[in-house]
């Protein structure tokens, strides 16, 4: 997560705490502050908690899996390629797992004619490493 998300969230929680501190008893203000802090931390953690892994079954991105036998072309994508794949070259049928704060990703072609998604795009902090892992999984298949 970008550092400024934590700063912005902390300032928001603090400002709400101060407003409650001025207008309510101390116990209520502390309760609201603790609750908001917990909700903020939980929300940021859940947003960034999508796990990406590759094994013999295929590519696991968040809660979904792309079976290894339908993986076609795989390529690492830089920030400019990410903008194109999510913008001017986007296909509405594609399966995407995007985290806005991650500049790169991996394009994975789906070679199953029965699949509604022509490709997957998965954000990754280390797209070259993920693409290499998918290539190794394809070679092992």
N, C-alpha and C. Protein backbone atom coordinates (compact mmCIF):
# COMPACT_ATOMS: atom_id res chain seq x y z
N UNK A 1 0.82 -1.18 0.00
CA UNK A 1 0.00 0.00 0.00
C UNK A 1 0.87 1.25 0.00
N UNK A 2 0.45 2.26 -0.71
CA UNK A 2 1.20 3.52 -0.68
C UNK A 2 1.18 4.13 0.72
N UNK A 3 2.27 4.76 1.10
CA UNK A 3 2.37 5.34 2.44
C UNK A 3 1.32 6.42 2.65
N UNK A 4 0.98 7.13 1.58
CA UNK A 4 0.04 8.24 1.74
C UNK A 4 -1.37 7.76 2.04
N UNK A 5 -1.72 6.50 1.70
CA UNK A 5 -3.03 5.96 2.09
C UNK A 5 -3.12 5.89 3.61
N UNK A 6 -2.01 5.42 4.22
CA UNK A 6 -2.00 5.31 5.67
C UNK A 6 -2.07 6.69 6.30
N UNK A 7 -1.34 7.65 5.75
CA UNK A 7 -1.37 9.02 6.28
C UNK A 7 -2.76 9.62 6.14
N UNK A 8 -3.35 9.52 4.96
CA UNK A 8 -4.68 10.08 4.74
C UNK A 8 -5.72 9.43 5.66
N UNK A 9 -5.67 8.12 5.78
CA UNK A 9 -6.62 7.42 6.66
C UNK A 9 -6.42 7.79 8.11
N UNK A 10 -5.16 7.89 8.52
CA UNK A 10 -4.88 8.29 9.90
C UNK A 10 -5.38 9.70 10.21
N UNK A 11 -5.19 10.62 9.25
CA UNK A 11 -5.68 11.99 9.45
C UNK A 11 -7.21 12.04 9.48
N UNK A 12 -7.84 11.24 8.64
CA UNK A 12 -9.31 11.19 8.64
C UNK A 12 -9.83 10.67 9.98
N UNK A 13 -9.27 9.57 10.44
CA UNK A 13 -9.70 9.00 11.72
C UNK A 13 -9.45 10.00 12.85
N UNK A 14 -8.29 10.64 12.82
CA UNK A 14 -7.96 11.61 13.87
C UNK A 14 -8.93 12.79 13.85
N UNK A 15 -9.27 13.29 12.67
CA UNK A 15 -10.18 14.44 12.59
C UNK A 15 -11.58 14.07 13.10
N UNK A 16 -12.05 12.87 12.77
CA UNK A 16 -13.36 12.44 13.29
C UNK A 16 -13.29 12.29 14.81
N UNK A 17 -12.17 11.76 15.32
CA UNK A 17 -11.99 11.63 16.76
C UNK A 17 -12.05 13.00 17.44
N UNK A 18 -11.39 13.99 16.86
CA UNK A 18 -11.39 15.34 17.44
C UNK A 18 -12.80 15.92 17.46
N UNK A 19 -13.55 15.74 16.37
CA UNK A 19 -14.93 16.24 16.32
C UNK A 19 -15.75 15.58 17.43
N UNK A 20 -15.63 14.27 17.59
CA UNK A 20 -16.37 13.58 18.65
C UNK A 20 -15.88 14.02 20.03
N UNK A 21 -14.59 14.28 20.16
CA UNK A 21 -14.02 14.71 21.44
C UNK A 21 -14.61 16.05 21.87
N UNK A 22 -14.84 16.94 20.91
CA UNK A 22 -15.38 18.25 21.22
C UNK A 22 -16.85 18.16 21.64
N UNK A 23 -17.63 17.30 21.00
CA UNK A 23 -19.08 17.28 21.20
C UNK A 23 -19.62 16.16 22.06
N UNK A 24 -18.80 15.19 22.42
CA UNK A 24 -19.30 14.06 23.22
C UNK A 24 -18.36 13.80 24.39
N UNK A 25 -18.78 12.98 25.34
CA UNK A 25 -17.88 12.62 26.44
C UNK A 25 -16.65 11.86 25.92
N UNK A 26 -15.59 11.86 26.70
CA UNK A 26 -14.32 11.26 26.31
C UNK A 26 -14.48 9.78 25.95
N UNK A 27 -15.26 9.04 26.70
CA UNK A 27 -15.45 7.61 26.43
C UNK A 27 -16.05 7.35 25.05
N UNK A 28 -17.02 8.17 24.67
CA UNK A 28 -17.65 8.01 23.36
C UNK A 28 -16.63 8.32 22.26
N UNK A 29 -15.87 9.41 22.44
CA UNK A 29 -14.87 9.79 21.44
C UNK A 29 -13.80 8.72 21.27
N UNK A 30 -13.33 8.16 22.38
CA UNK A 30 -12.33 7.10 22.31
C UNK A 30 -12.91 5.87 21.64
N UNK A 31 -14.14 5.51 21.97
CA UNK A 31 -14.79 4.36 21.33
C UNK A 31 -14.91 4.54 19.83
N UNK A 32 -15.34 5.72 19.40
CA UNK A 32 -15.45 6.00 17.97
C UNK A 32 -14.07 5.97 17.31
N UNK A 33 -13.08 6.55 17.96
CA UNK A 33 -11.72 6.55 17.41
C UNK A 33 -11.16 5.15 17.25
N UNK A 34 -11.33 4.31 18.25
CA UNK A 34 -10.85 2.93 18.18
C UNK A 34 -11.59 2.15 17.10
N UNK A 35 -12.91 2.33 17.04
CA UNK A 35 -13.71 1.63 16.03
C UNK A 35 -13.31 2.05 14.62
N UNK A 36 -13.18 3.35 14.39
CA UNK A 36 -12.79 3.82 13.06
C UNK A 36 -11.39 3.37 12.68
N UNK A 37 -10.48 3.36 13.64
CA UNK A 37 -9.12 2.89 13.36
C UNK A 37 -9.15 1.42 12.96
N UNK A 38 -9.90 0.63 13.69
CA UNK A 38 -10.00 -0.80 13.36
C UNK A 38 -10.64 -1.01 11.99
N UNK A 39 -11.70 -0.26 11.68
CA UNK A 39 -12.34 -0.39 10.37
C UNK A 39 -11.42 0.04 9.24
N UNK A 40 -10.67 1.10 9.45
CA UNK A 40 -9.73 1.56 8.43
C UNK A 40 -8.64 0.52 8.18
N UNK A 41 -8.02 0.03 9.23
CA UNK A 41 -6.96 -0.98 9.09
C UNK A 41 -7.51 -2.24 8.43
N UNK A 42 -8.67 -2.69 8.85
CA UNK A 42 -9.28 -3.88 8.25
C UNK A 42 -9.59 -3.66 6.77
N UNK A 43 -10.13 -2.50 6.43
CA UNK A 43 -10.46 -2.20 5.04
C UNK A 43 -9.23 -2.16 4.15
N UNK A 44 -8.17 -1.51 4.59
CA UNK A 44 -6.94 -1.44 3.80
C UNK A 44 -6.32 -2.83 3.70
N UNK A 45 -6.34 -3.58 4.77
CA UNK A 45 -5.77 -4.93 4.73
C UNK A 45 -6.54 -5.81 3.75
N UNK A 46 -7.87 -5.76 3.81
CA UNK A 46 -8.69 -6.58 2.90
C UNK A 46 -8.47 -6.18 1.44
N UNK A 47 -8.35 -4.88 1.18
CA UNK A 47 -8.16 -4.41 -0.19
C UNK A 47 -6.84 -4.92 -0.76
N UNK A 48 -5.82 -4.95 0.04
CA UNK A 48 -4.51 -5.39 -0.44
C UNK A 48 -4.22 -6.86 -0.20
N UNK A 49 -5.21 -7.64 0.23
CA UNK A 49 -4.97 -9.02 0.63
C UNK A 49 -5.09 -10.03 -0.50
N UNK A 50 -5.36 -9.60 -1.71
CA UNK A 50 -5.50 -10.56 -2.81
C UNK A 50 -4.16 -11.26 -3.03
N UNK A 51 -4.16 -12.56 -2.95
CA UNK A 51 -2.94 -13.35 -3.11
C UNK A 51 -2.87 -13.91 -4.52
N UNK A 52 -1.67 -13.92 -5.06
CA UNK A 52 -1.43 -14.47 -6.39
C UNK A 52 -0.38 -15.57 -6.24
N UNK A 53 -0.72 -16.74 -6.77
CA UNK A 53 0.26 -17.84 -6.72
C UNK A 53 0.08 -18.74 -7.93
N UNK A 54 1.14 -19.47 -8.22
CA UNK A 54 1.14 -20.40 -9.35
C UNK A 54 1.54 -21.77 -8.81
N UNK A 55 0.76 -22.78 -9.18
CA UNK A 55 1.12 -24.16 -8.84
C UNK A 55 0.71 -25.07 -9.99
N UNK A 56 0.75 -26.36 -9.76
CA UNK A 56 0.42 -27.31 -10.83
C UNK A 56 -1.03 -27.19 -11.32
N UNK A 57 -1.90 -26.65 -10.48
CA UNK A 57 -3.31 -26.48 -10.87
C UNK A 57 -3.50 -25.28 -11.80
N UNK A 58 -2.62 -24.30 -11.71
CA UNK A 58 -2.74 -23.13 -12.56
C UNK A 58 -2.41 -21.84 -11.82
N UNK A 59 -3.03 -20.77 -12.28
CA UNK A 59 -2.83 -19.45 -11.71
C UNK A 59 -3.98 -19.15 -10.76
N UNK A 60 -3.63 -18.86 -9.52
CA UNK A 60 -4.62 -18.49 -8.50
C UNK A 60 -4.46 -16.99 -8.26
N UNK A 61 -5.51 -16.23 -8.57
CA UNK A 61 -5.49 -14.79 -8.38
C UNK A 61 -6.71 -14.40 -7.55
N UNK A 62 -6.46 -14.08 -6.31
CA UNK A 62 -7.57 -13.81 -5.40
C UNK A 62 -8.33 -15.09 -5.14
N UNK A 63 -9.64 -15.08 -5.39
CA UNK A 63 -10.47 -16.25 -5.14
C UNK A 63 -10.69 -17.10 -6.39
N UNK A 64 -10.10 -16.74 -7.50
CA UNK A 64 -10.34 -17.46 -8.75
C UNK A 64 -9.09 -18.18 -9.22
N UNK A 65 -9.29 -19.20 -10.03
CA UNK A 65 -8.18 -20.00 -10.55
C UNK A 65 -8.33 -20.15 -12.06
N UNK A 66 -7.24 -19.95 -12.75
CA UNK A 66 -7.17 -20.22 -14.18
C UNK A 66 -6.43 -21.54 -14.33
N UNK A 67 -7.09 -22.59 -14.81
CA UNK A 67 -6.43 -23.89 -14.93
C UNK A 67 -5.20 -23.83 -15.82
N UNK A 68 -4.20 -24.61 -15.49
CA UNK A 68 -2.93 -24.58 -16.21
C UNK A 68 -3.09 -24.97 -17.67
N UNK A 69 -4.04 -25.86 -17.98
CA UNK A 69 -4.16 -26.35 -19.36
C UNK A 69 -4.81 -25.34 -20.31
N UNK A 70 -5.30 -24.21 -19.82
CA UNK A 70 -5.89 -23.20 -20.71
C UNK A 70 -5.05 -21.93 -20.78
N UNK A 71 -3.86 -21.97 -20.19
CA UNK A 71 -2.97 -20.80 -20.22
C UNK A 71 -2.21 -20.80 -21.54
N UNK A 72 -2.33 -19.70 -22.26
CA UNK A 72 -1.63 -19.52 -23.53
C UNK A 72 -0.43 -18.60 -23.35
N UNK A 73 -0.39 -17.55 -24.16
CA UNK A 73 0.71 -16.58 -24.10
C UNK A 73 0.71 -15.88 -22.74
N UNK A 74 1.92 -15.71 -22.19
CA UNK A 74 2.09 -15.02 -20.92
C UNK A 74 3.15 -13.95 -21.13
N UNK A 75 2.86 -12.73 -20.69
CA UNK A 75 3.89 -11.69 -20.79
C UNK A 75 3.76 -10.70 -19.64
N UNK A 76 4.92 -10.26 -19.17
CA UNK A 76 4.96 -9.22 -18.15
C UNK A 76 4.61 -7.89 -18.82
N UNK A 77 3.90 -7.05 -18.10
CA UNK A 77 3.43 -5.78 -18.64
C UNK A 77 3.91 -4.65 -17.72
N UNK A 78 4.51 -3.62 -18.34
CA UNK A 78 4.95 -2.47 -17.56
C UNK A 78 3.78 -1.50 -17.35
N UNK A 79 4.08 -0.34 -16.78
CA UNK A 79 3.01 0.61 -16.46
C UNK A 79 2.28 1.12 -17.71
N UNK A 80 3.03 1.39 -18.77
CA UNK A 80 2.38 1.86 -20.01
C UNK A 80 1.50 0.77 -20.61
N UNK A 81 1.98 -0.47 -20.59
CA UNK A 81 1.18 -1.59 -21.09
C UNK A 81 -0.06 -1.81 -20.24
N UNK A 82 0.07 -1.60 -18.96
CA UNK A 82 -1.07 -1.74 -18.05
C UNK A 82 -2.15 -0.72 -18.39
N UNK A 83 -1.72 0.51 -18.65
CA UNK A 83 -2.68 1.55 -19.02
C UNK A 83 -3.40 1.19 -20.31
N UNK A 84 -2.67 0.64 -21.28
CA UNK A 84 -3.31 0.24 -22.54
C UNK A 84 -4.28 -0.92 -22.33
N UNK A 85 -3.85 -1.95 -21.58
CA UNK A 85 -4.70 -3.13 -21.36
C UNK A 85 -5.96 -2.81 -20.56
N UNK A 86 -5.88 -1.80 -19.73
CA UNK A 86 -7.04 -1.41 -18.93
C UNK A 86 -7.78 -0.22 -19.54
N UNK A 87 -7.25 0.30 -20.64
CA UNK A 87 -7.85 1.47 -21.28
C UNK A 87 -8.21 1.22 -22.72
N UNK A 88 -7.39 1.73 -23.63
CA UNK A 88 -7.73 1.71 -25.05
C UNK A 88 -7.78 0.31 -25.66
N UNK A 89 -7.00 -0.63 -25.14
CA UNK A 89 -6.99 -1.99 -25.68
C UNK A 89 -7.78 -2.98 -24.83
N UNK A 90 -8.55 -2.47 -23.89
CA UNK A 90 -9.28 -3.34 -22.95
C UNK A 90 -10.38 -4.11 -23.65
N UNK A 91 -10.59 -5.32 -23.16
CA UNK A 91 -11.72 -6.14 -23.59
C UNK A 91 -12.62 -6.31 -22.36
N UNK A 92 -13.86 -5.93 -22.49
CA UNK A 92 -14.79 -5.98 -21.35
C UNK A 92 -14.97 -7.39 -20.80
N UNK A 93 -14.67 -8.40 -21.59
CA UNK A 93 -14.84 -9.78 -21.13
C UNK A 93 -13.65 -10.28 -20.33
N UNK A 94 -12.56 -9.54 -20.32
CA UNK A 94 -11.34 -9.98 -19.64
C UNK A 94 -11.55 -10.10 -18.14
N UNK A 95 -10.81 -11.02 -17.55
CA UNK A 95 -10.82 -11.18 -16.10
C UNK A 95 -9.64 -10.37 -15.56
N UNK A 96 -9.91 -9.42 -14.68
CA UNK A 96 -8.84 -8.58 -14.17
C UNK A 96 -8.82 -8.60 -12.65
N UNK A 97 -7.61 -8.61 -12.12
CA UNK A 97 -7.37 -8.41 -10.70
C UNK A 97 -6.41 -7.24 -10.63
N UNK A 98 -6.95 -6.06 -10.38
CA UNK A 98 -6.16 -4.84 -10.44
C UNK A 98 -6.10 -4.20 -9.07
N UNK A 99 -4.90 -3.85 -8.69
CA UNK A 99 -4.69 -3.01 -7.51
C UNK A 99 -4.09 -1.71 -8.03
N UNK A 100 -4.80 -0.62 -7.84
CA UNK A 100 -4.45 0.65 -8.45
C UNK A 100 -3.07 1.17 -8.10
N UNK A 101 -2.52 0.75 -7.00
CA UNK A 101 -1.22 1.24 -6.56
C UNK A 101 -0.06 0.39 -7.09
N UNK A 102 -0.35 -0.65 -7.86
CA UNK A 102 0.69 -1.52 -8.42
C UNK A 102 0.83 -1.18 -9.90
N UNK A 103 2.00 -0.70 -10.33
CA UNK A 103 2.13 -0.21 -11.71
C UNK A 103 2.19 -1.29 -12.78
N UNK A 104 2.68 -2.46 -12.48
CA UNK A 104 2.86 -3.50 -13.50
C UNK A 104 1.86 -4.62 -13.37
N UNK A 105 2.03 -5.62 -14.22
CA UNK A 105 1.14 -6.77 -14.15
C UNK A 105 1.53 -7.83 -15.15
N UNK A 106 0.68 -8.83 -15.29
CA UNK A 106 0.93 -9.94 -16.21
C UNK A 106 -0.32 -10.17 -17.05
N UNK A 107 -0.10 -10.28 -18.34
CA UNK A 107 -1.15 -10.62 -19.29
C UNK A 107 -1.08 -12.12 -19.50
N UNK A 108 -2.22 -12.81 -19.36
CA UNK A 108 -2.28 -14.26 -19.54
C UNK A 108 -3.40 -14.56 -20.53
N UNK A 109 -3.04 -15.07 -21.69
CA UNK A 109 -4.02 -15.43 -22.70
C UNK A 109 -4.74 -16.71 -22.28
N UNK A 110 -6.05 -16.75 -22.50
CA UNK A 110 -6.84 -17.95 -22.21
C UNK A 110 -7.13 -18.63 -23.54
N UNK A 111 -6.71 -19.90 -23.68
CA UNK A 111 -6.86 -20.61 -24.96
C UNK A 111 -8.05 -21.56 -24.98
N UNK A 112 -8.92 -21.47 -24.00
CA UNK A 112 -10.12 -22.29 -23.96
C UNK A 112 -11.25 -21.56 -24.67
N UNK A 113 -11.76 -22.14 -25.74
CA UNK A 113 -12.83 -21.50 -26.52
C UNK A 113 -14.12 -21.37 -25.70
N UNK A 114 -14.31 -22.20 -24.70
CA UNK A 114 -15.52 -22.15 -23.88
C UNK A 114 -15.45 -21.06 -22.81
N UNK A 115 -14.26 -20.52 -22.57
CA UNK A 115 -14.11 -19.49 -21.55
C UNK A 115 -14.65 -18.15 -22.03
N UNK A 116 -15.40 -17.47 -21.19
CA UNK A 116 -15.91 -16.16 -21.59
C UNK A 116 -14.82 -15.09 -21.60
N UNK A 117 -13.72 -15.32 -20.89
CA UNK A 117 -12.64 -14.33 -20.80
C UNK A 117 -11.54 -14.66 -21.82
N UNK A 118 -11.21 -13.72 -22.71
CA UNK A 118 -10.14 -13.98 -23.67
C UNK A 118 -8.75 -13.92 -23.04
N UNK A 119 -8.64 -13.18 -21.94
CA UNK A 119 -7.36 -13.10 -21.23
C UNK A 119 -7.59 -12.68 -19.79
N UNK A 120 -6.57 -12.91 -18.99
CA UNK A 120 -6.55 -12.41 -17.62
C UNK A 120 -5.49 -11.34 -17.55
N UNK A 121 -5.75 -10.30 -16.75
CA UNK A 121 -4.71 -9.34 -16.40
C UNK A 121 -4.66 -9.28 -14.89
N UNK A 122 -3.46 -9.52 -14.36
CA UNK A 122 -3.27 -9.57 -12.91
C UNK A 122 -2.18 -8.58 -12.53
N UNK A 123 -2.51 -7.63 -11.65
CA UNK A 123 -1.51 -6.70 -11.14
C UNK A 123 -0.49 -7.46 -10.31
N UNK A 124 0.78 -7.06 -10.47
CA UNK A 124 1.83 -7.72 -9.71
C UNK A 124 2.97 -6.74 -9.49
N UNK A 125 3.51 -6.76 -8.29
CA UNK A 125 4.69 -5.92 -8.01
C UNK A 125 5.92 -6.46 -8.72
N UNK A 126 5.93 -7.75 -8.98
CA UNK A 126 7.05 -8.40 -9.67
C UNK A 126 6.53 -9.17 -10.89
N UNK A 127 6.12 -8.46 -11.94
CA UNK A 127 5.50 -9.13 -13.08
C UNK A 127 6.43 -10.11 -13.80
N UNK A 128 7.71 -9.80 -13.89
CA UNK A 128 8.64 -10.71 -14.55
C UNK A 128 8.72 -12.04 -13.81
N UNK A 129 8.74 -11.97 -12.49
CA UNK A 129 8.80 -13.20 -11.69
C UNK A 129 7.54 -14.04 -11.84
N UNK A 130 6.37 -13.38 -11.87
CA UNK A 130 5.12 -14.10 -12.04
C UNK A 130 5.04 -14.72 -13.43
N UNK A 131 5.46 -13.98 -14.46
CA UNK A 131 5.45 -14.51 -15.83
C UNK A 131 6.40 -15.70 -15.94
N UNK A 132 7.56 -15.63 -15.30
CA UNK A 132 8.51 -16.74 -15.32
C UNK A 132 7.93 -17.97 -14.61
N UNK A 133 7.24 -17.77 -13.51
CA UNK A 133 6.61 -18.89 -12.79
C UNK A 133 5.54 -19.54 -13.65
N UNK A 134 4.75 -18.74 -14.37
CA UNK A 134 3.74 -19.29 -15.28
C UNK A 134 4.40 -20.04 -16.43
N UNK A 135 5.49 -19.53 -16.94
CA UNK A 135 6.21 -20.22 -18.03
C UNK A 135 6.76 -21.56 -17.54
N UNK A 136 7.28 -21.59 -16.31
CA UNK A 136 7.77 -22.87 -15.74
C UNK A 136 6.61 -23.85 -15.56
N UNK A 137 5.46 -23.36 -15.11
CA UNK A 137 4.30 -24.24 -14.95
C UNK A 137 3.83 -24.80 -16.29
N UNK A 138 3.88 -23.97 -17.34
CA UNK A 138 3.52 -24.43 -18.68
C UNK A 138 4.50 -25.49 -19.16
N UNK A 139 5.80 -25.26 -18.93
CA UNK A 139 6.83 -26.21 -19.36
C UNK A 139 6.68 -27.54 -18.63
N UNK A 140 6.31 -27.49 -17.36
CA UNK A 140 6.14 -28.72 -16.57
C UNK A 140 4.91 -29.49 -17.00
N UNK A 141 3.95 -28.82 -17.58
CA UNK A 141 2.71 -29.45 -18.03
C UNK A 141 3.02 -30.21 -19.29
